[in-house]
């Protein structure tokens, strides 16, 4: 099995960023978020951090702005925690797959009720 360095770095960044958000970030704009995935470019220069949350779309916008404004602080914390020559630039993106899955579940549940009636 071929396991690229970028994949290993992605896994490590996902764990470390989740811990930093949980313990160190005190920004009131950032609600309860879950880091779902991290994609790192092959040259390890950029990382897209995908997150999910349950709140409304208005809260989503505030949280995204809060996370992206904290990316410099998070990068600095990662630099202290990790032994890497270069810490990737971080951009936060909302992962809508959980909302989409929930929407599909509600549609299937509605169809199930319709068929059983």
N, C-alpha and C. Protein backbone atom coordinates (compact mmCIF):
# COMPACT_ATOMS: atom_id res chain seq x y z
N UNK A 1 0.85 -1.17 0.00
CA UNK A 1 0.00 0.00 0.00
C UNK A 1 0.89 1.24 0.00
N UNK A 2 0.62 2.14 -0.91
CA UNK A 2 1.40 3.36 -1.04
C UNK A 2 0.78 4.46 -0.18
N UNK A 3 1.51 4.90 0.82
CA UNK A 3 1.02 5.90 1.77
C UNK A 3 1.94 7.10 1.68
N UNK A 4 1.48 8.15 0.99
CA UNK A 4 2.32 9.31 0.74
C UNK A 4 2.56 10.12 2.03
N UNK A 5 3.63 10.87 2.01
CA UNK A 5 3.94 11.73 3.16
C UNK A 5 2.84 12.75 3.39
N UNK A 6 2.28 13.26 2.32
CA UNK A 6 1.20 14.25 2.45
C UNK A 6 0.01 13.66 3.21
N UNK A 7 -0.26 12.37 3.00
CA UNK A 7 -1.35 11.71 3.73
C UNK A 7 -1.04 11.60 5.22
N UNK A 8 0.20 11.26 5.54
CA UNK A 8 0.58 11.16 6.95
C UNK A 8 0.53 12.53 7.63
N UNK A 9 0.98 13.56 6.91
CA UNK A 9 0.94 14.92 7.45
C UNK A 9 -0.51 15.36 7.63
N UNK A 10 -1.37 15.00 6.70
CA UNK A 10 -2.79 15.35 6.81
C UNK A 10 -3.41 14.77 8.07
N UNK A 11 -3.13 13.51 8.34
CA UNK A 11 -3.66 12.86 9.54
C UNK A 11 -3.14 13.55 10.80
N UNK A 12 -1.86 13.83 10.82
CA UNK A 12 -1.26 14.50 11.97
C UNK A 12 -1.84 15.89 12.18
N UNK A 13 -1.99 16.64 11.10
CA UNK A 13 -2.56 17.99 11.21
C UNK A 13 -4.00 17.95 11.70
N UNK A 14 -4.77 16.99 11.24
CA UNK A 14 -6.17 16.88 11.68
C UNK A 14 -6.25 16.70 13.19
N UNK A 15 -5.42 15.81 13.72
CA UNK A 15 -5.41 15.58 15.17
C UNK A 15 -4.95 16.81 15.94
N UNK A 16 -3.86 17.42 15.49
CA UNK A 16 -3.30 18.56 16.21
C UNK A 16 -4.21 19.78 16.14
N UNK A 17 -4.79 20.05 14.98
CA UNK A 17 -5.68 21.21 14.85
C UNK A 17 -6.92 21.01 15.72
N UNK A 18 -7.44 19.80 15.77
CA UNK A 18 -8.60 19.53 16.62
C UNK A 18 -8.27 19.81 18.08
N UNK A 19 -7.07 19.40 18.52
CA UNK A 19 -6.66 19.65 19.90
C UNK A 19 -6.48 21.15 20.17
N UNK A 20 -5.91 21.85 19.23
CA UNK A 20 -5.71 23.30 19.40
C UNK A 20 -7.06 24.00 19.49
N UNK A 21 -7.98 23.63 18.63
CA UNK A 21 -9.32 24.25 18.67
C UNK A 21 -10.03 23.94 19.98
N UNK A 22 -9.84 22.75 20.47
CA UNK A 22 -10.50 22.34 21.70
C UNK A 22 -9.94 23.04 22.93
N UNK A 23 -8.61 23.18 22.98
CA UNK A 23 -7.97 23.66 24.21
C UNK A 23 -7.49 25.10 24.18
N UNK A 24 -7.10 25.61 23.01
CA UNK A 24 -6.40 26.89 22.98
C UNK A 24 -7.20 28.06 22.40
N UNK A 25 -8.10 27.80 21.50
CA UNK A 25 -8.82 28.88 20.83
C UNK A 25 -10.00 29.33 21.69
N UNK A 26 -10.05 30.63 21.97
CA UNK A 26 -11.10 31.19 22.81
C UNK A 26 -11.99 32.18 22.06
N UNK A 27 -11.95 32.17 20.74
CA UNK A 27 -12.72 33.10 19.92
C UNK A 27 -14.21 32.78 20.06
N UNK A 28 -15.04 33.76 20.46
CA UNK A 28 -16.48 33.48 20.63
C UNK A 28 -17.20 33.20 19.31
N UNK A 29 -16.61 33.58 18.20
CA UNK A 29 -17.25 33.30 16.90
C UNK A 29 -17.20 31.83 16.56
N UNK A 30 -16.23 31.12 17.12
CA UNK A 30 -16.04 29.71 16.80
C UNK A 30 -16.87 28.88 17.76
N UNK A 31 -17.90 28.25 17.22
CA UNK A 31 -18.75 27.38 18.03
C UNK A 31 -18.15 25.99 18.13
N UNK A 32 -19.02 25.02 18.30
CA UNK A 32 -18.58 23.63 18.39
C UNK A 32 -18.37 23.11 16.98
N UNK A 33 -17.13 22.88 16.61
CA UNK A 33 -16.81 22.38 15.27
C UNK A 33 -16.09 21.04 15.38
N UNK A 34 -16.22 20.26 14.34
CA UNK A 34 -15.53 18.99 14.23
C UNK A 34 -14.67 19.03 12.98
N UNK A 35 -13.39 18.72 13.14
CA UNK A 35 -12.49 18.65 11.99
C UNK A 35 -12.72 17.30 11.33
N UNK A 36 -13.20 17.32 10.10
CA UNK A 36 -13.53 16.07 9.42
C UNK A 36 -12.41 15.57 8.52
N UNK A 37 -11.64 16.48 7.93
CA UNK A 37 -10.59 16.04 7.01
C UNK A 37 -9.60 17.18 6.81
N UNK A 38 -8.40 16.82 6.42
CA UNK A 38 -7.37 17.79 6.04
C UNK A 38 -6.74 17.29 4.75
N UNK A 39 -6.69 18.16 3.76
CA UNK A 39 -6.03 17.84 2.49
C UNK A 39 -4.79 18.72 2.38
N UNK A 40 -3.64 18.08 2.24
CA UNK A 40 -2.38 18.79 2.13
C UNK A 40 -1.85 18.59 0.71
N UNK A 41 -1.35 19.66 0.11
CA UNK A 41 -0.75 19.54 -1.21
C UNK A 41 0.50 18.67 -1.12
N UNK A 42 0.92 18.11 -2.25
CA UNK A 42 2.08 17.21 -2.25
C UNK A 42 3.36 17.91 -1.80
N UNK A 43 3.46 19.23 -2.03
CA UNK A 43 4.66 19.95 -1.59
C UNK A 43 4.55 20.43 -0.14
N UNK A 44 3.45 20.08 0.54
CA UNK A 44 3.20 20.39 1.95
C UNK A 44 3.16 21.90 2.24
N UNK A 45 2.80 22.70 1.26
CA UNK A 45 2.77 24.16 1.44
C UNK A 45 1.39 24.67 1.84
N UNK A 46 0.33 23.97 1.48
CA UNK A 46 -1.02 24.41 1.80
C UNK A 46 -1.84 23.25 2.34
N UNK A 47 -2.71 23.60 3.29
CA UNK A 47 -3.61 22.61 3.86
C UNK A 47 -5.02 23.16 3.88
N UNK A 48 -5.94 22.40 3.32
CA UNK A 48 -7.36 22.74 3.43
C UNK A 48 -7.94 21.90 4.56
N UNK A 49 -8.45 22.59 5.56
CA UNK A 49 -9.00 21.91 6.74
C UNK A 49 -10.52 21.97 6.63
N UNK A 50 -11.14 20.80 6.55
CA UNK A 50 -12.59 20.73 6.43
C UNK A 50 -13.20 20.51 7.81
N UNK A 51 -14.26 21.27 8.09
CA UNK A 51 -14.93 21.17 9.38
C UNK A 51 -16.43 21.05 9.17
N UNK A 52 -17.09 20.51 10.18
CA UNK A 52 -18.55 20.45 10.16
C UNK A 52 -19.07 21.01 11.47
N UNK A 53 -20.32 21.44 11.42
CA UNK A 53 -20.98 21.98 12.61
C UNK A 53 -22.47 21.85 12.43
N UNK A 54 -23.21 22.00 13.53
CA UNK A 54 -24.64 21.78 13.51
C UNK A 54 -25.41 23.09 13.40
N UNK A 55 -24.80 24.20 13.73
CA UNK A 55 -25.50 25.48 13.82
C UNK A 55 -26.04 25.94 12.47
N UNK A 56 -26.73 27.09 12.49
CA UNK A 56 -27.38 27.66 11.31
C UNK A 56 -26.35 28.24 10.33
N UNK A 57 -26.86 28.65 9.17
CA UNK A 57 -25.98 29.22 8.15
C UNK A 57 -25.35 30.53 8.61
N UNK A 58 -26.07 31.32 9.40
CA UNK A 58 -25.51 32.57 9.93
C UNK A 58 -24.34 32.28 10.87
N UNK A 59 -24.51 31.28 11.71
CA UNK A 59 -23.43 30.87 12.61
C UNK A 59 -22.26 30.28 11.81
N UNK A 60 -22.58 29.60 10.72
CA UNK A 60 -21.54 29.01 9.88
C UNK A 60 -20.63 30.09 9.32
N UNK A 61 -21.20 31.19 8.85
CA UNK A 61 -20.40 32.28 8.30
C UNK A 61 -19.48 32.89 9.36
N UNK A 62 -20.03 33.11 10.56
CA UNK A 62 -19.21 33.66 11.65
C UNK A 62 -18.10 32.71 12.05
N UNK A 63 -18.42 31.42 12.12
CA UNK A 63 -17.42 30.42 12.50
C UNK A 63 -16.32 30.32 11.46
N UNK A 64 -16.69 30.34 10.19
CA UNK A 64 -15.69 30.27 9.12
C UNK A 64 -14.75 31.46 9.19
N UNK A 65 -15.30 32.65 9.40
CA UNK A 65 -14.45 33.85 9.53
C UNK A 65 -13.55 33.74 10.75
N UNK A 66 -14.09 33.25 11.86
CA UNK A 66 -13.30 33.09 13.07
C UNK A 66 -12.17 32.09 12.89
N UNK A 67 -12.46 30.98 12.25
CA UNK A 67 -11.43 29.96 12.02
C UNK A 67 -10.33 30.48 11.10
N UNK A 68 -10.73 31.14 10.01
CA UNK A 68 -9.72 31.65 9.08
C UNK A 68 -8.90 32.78 9.70
N UNK A 69 -9.49 33.57 10.60
CA UNK A 69 -8.70 34.61 11.25
C UNK A 69 -7.75 34.00 12.29
N UNK A 70 -8.08 32.83 12.81
CA UNK A 70 -7.22 32.17 13.78
C UNK A 70 -6.17 31.28 13.12
N UNK A 71 -6.17 31.20 11.79
CA UNK A 71 -5.26 30.27 11.12
C UNK A 71 -3.79 30.60 11.37
N UNK A 72 -3.45 31.87 11.49
CA UNK A 72 -2.07 32.24 11.79
C UNK A 72 -1.64 31.77 13.17
N UNK A 73 -2.53 31.93 14.14
CA UNK A 73 -2.26 31.46 15.50
C UNK A 73 -2.12 29.93 15.52
N UNK A 74 -3.01 29.26 14.80
CA UNK A 74 -2.95 27.80 14.74
C UNK A 74 -1.66 27.34 14.08
N UNK A 75 -1.25 28.02 13.02
CA UNK A 75 0.00 27.68 12.34
C UNK A 75 1.19 27.85 13.29
N UNK A 76 1.17 28.92 14.08
CA UNK A 76 2.25 29.15 15.04
C UNK A 76 2.28 28.03 16.09
N UNK A 77 1.10 27.64 16.58
CA UNK A 77 1.04 26.55 17.57
C UNK A 77 1.52 25.23 16.96
N UNK A 78 1.16 24.99 15.71
CA UNK A 78 1.62 23.77 15.04
C UNK A 78 3.13 23.77 14.90
N UNK A 79 3.70 24.94 14.62
CA UNK A 79 5.15 25.05 14.50
C UNK A 79 5.87 24.65 15.77
N UNK A 80 5.26 24.94 16.92
CA UNK A 80 5.86 24.57 18.20
C UNK A 80 5.67 23.09 18.52
N UNK A 81 4.58 22.51 18.03
CA UNK A 81 4.26 21.12 18.36
C UNK A 81 4.89 20.09 17.43
N UNK A 82 5.07 20.46 16.16
CA UNK A 82 5.49 19.49 15.16
C UNK A 82 6.93 19.72 14.73
N UNK A 83 7.57 18.65 14.37
CA UNK A 83 8.94 18.73 13.84
C UNK A 83 8.88 18.70 12.33
N UNK A 84 8.57 19.84 11.77
CA UNK A 84 8.50 19.96 10.32
C UNK A 84 9.28 21.20 9.92
N UNK A 85 9.92 21.11 8.79
CA UNK A 85 10.67 22.24 8.29
C UNK A 85 9.74 23.39 7.93
N UNK A 86 8.60 23.06 7.35
CA UNK A 86 7.67 24.08 6.91
C UNK A 86 6.26 23.68 7.35
N UNK A 87 5.57 24.59 8.01
CA UNK A 87 4.18 24.35 8.40
C UNK A 87 3.29 24.90 7.29
N UNK A 88 2.35 24.11 6.79
CA UNK A 88 1.52 24.57 5.67
C UNK A 88 0.61 25.75 6.04
N UNK A 89 0.29 26.57 5.05
CA UNK A 89 -0.72 27.61 5.22
C UNK A 89 -2.07 26.90 5.35
N UNK A 90 -2.91 27.41 6.24
CA UNK A 90 -4.16 26.74 6.56
C UNK A 90 -5.34 27.56 6.07
N UNK A 91 -6.25 26.88 5.39
CA UNK A 91 -7.52 27.49 4.96
C UNK A 91 -8.64 26.56 5.43
N UNK A 92 -9.62 27.13 6.11
CA UNK A 92 -10.75 26.34 6.60
C UNK A 92 -11.89 26.36 5.59
N UNK A 93 -12.47 25.19 5.35
CA UNK A 93 -13.60 25.02 4.44
C UNK A 93 -14.68 24.21 5.14
N UNK A 94 -15.93 24.59 4.92
CA UNK A 94 -17.04 23.85 5.51
C UNK A 94 -17.26 22.55 4.76
N UNK A 95 -17.44 21.46 5.50
CA UNK A 95 -17.71 20.14 4.94
C UNK A 95 -19.22 19.90 5.02
N UNK A 96 -19.87 20.01 3.89
CA UNK A 96 -21.34 19.91 3.88
C UNK A 96 -21.82 18.47 3.74
N UNK A 97 -20.96 17.50 3.75
CA UNK A 97 -21.37 16.11 3.53
C UNK A 97 -22.29 15.60 4.64
N UNK A 98 -22.10 16.06 5.89
CA UNK A 98 -22.97 15.61 6.97
C UNK A 98 -24.38 16.16 6.81
N UNK A 99 -24.48 17.42 6.41
CA UNK A 99 -25.81 18.01 6.17
C UNK A 99 -26.49 17.31 5.00
N UNK A 100 -25.72 17.02 3.96
CA UNK A 100 -26.28 16.34 2.80
C UNK A 100 -26.76 14.94 3.18
N UNK A 101 -25.99 14.24 3.97
CA UNK A 101 -26.37 12.91 4.44
C UNK A 101 -27.63 12.96 5.29
N UNK A 102 -27.74 13.97 6.14
CA UNK A 102 -28.93 14.14 6.96
C UNK A 102 -30.15 14.44 6.09
N UNK A 103 -29.95 15.24 5.06
CA UNK A 103 -31.04 15.55 4.13
C UNK A 103 -31.51 14.29 3.41
N UNK A 104 -30.58 13.47 2.96
CA UNK A 104 -30.93 12.21 2.29
C UNK A 104 -31.67 11.29 3.25
N UNK A 105 -31.23 11.22 4.51
CA UNK A 105 -31.92 10.39 5.51
C UNK A 105 -33.36 10.85 5.70
N UNK A 106 -33.58 12.16 5.75
CA UNK A 106 -34.95 12.65 5.95
C UNK A 106 -35.82 12.33 4.73
N UNK A 107 -35.26 12.41 3.53
CA UNK A 107 -36.01 12.05 2.33
C UNK A 107 -36.38 10.57 2.35
N UNK A 108 -35.41 9.72 2.69
CA UNK A 108 -35.68 8.28 2.75
C UNK A 108 -36.71 7.95 3.83
N UNK A 109 -36.63 8.63 4.95
CA UNK A 109 -37.60 8.41 6.03
C UNK A 109 -39.00 8.81 5.58
N UNK A 110 -39.10 9.93 4.84
CA UNK A 110 -40.40 10.35 4.29
C UNK A 110 -40.95 9.34 3.30
N UNK A 111 -40.08 8.81 2.45
CA UNK A 111 -40.51 7.79 1.50
C UNK A 111 -40.96 6.52 2.22
N UNK A 112 -40.27 6.16 3.26
CA UNK A 112 -40.61 4.96 4.03
C UNK A 112 -42.01 5.12 4.65
N UNK A 113 -42.27 6.33 5.20
CA UNK A 113 -43.59 6.57 5.80
C UNK A 113 -44.67 6.56 4.73
N UNK A 114 -44.38 7.10 3.54
CA UNK A 114 -45.36 7.13 2.48
C UNK A 114 -45.69 5.73 1.99
N UNK A 115 -44.70 4.90 1.86
CA UNK A 115 -44.90 3.53 1.37
C UNK A 115 -45.66 2.70 2.41
N UNK A 116 -45.37 2.90 3.69
CA UNK A 116 -46.01 2.10 4.72
C UNK A 116 -47.45 2.53 5.00
N UNK A 117 -47.84 3.73 4.58
CA UNK A 117 -49.23 4.20 4.80
C UNK A 117 -50.18 3.70 3.79
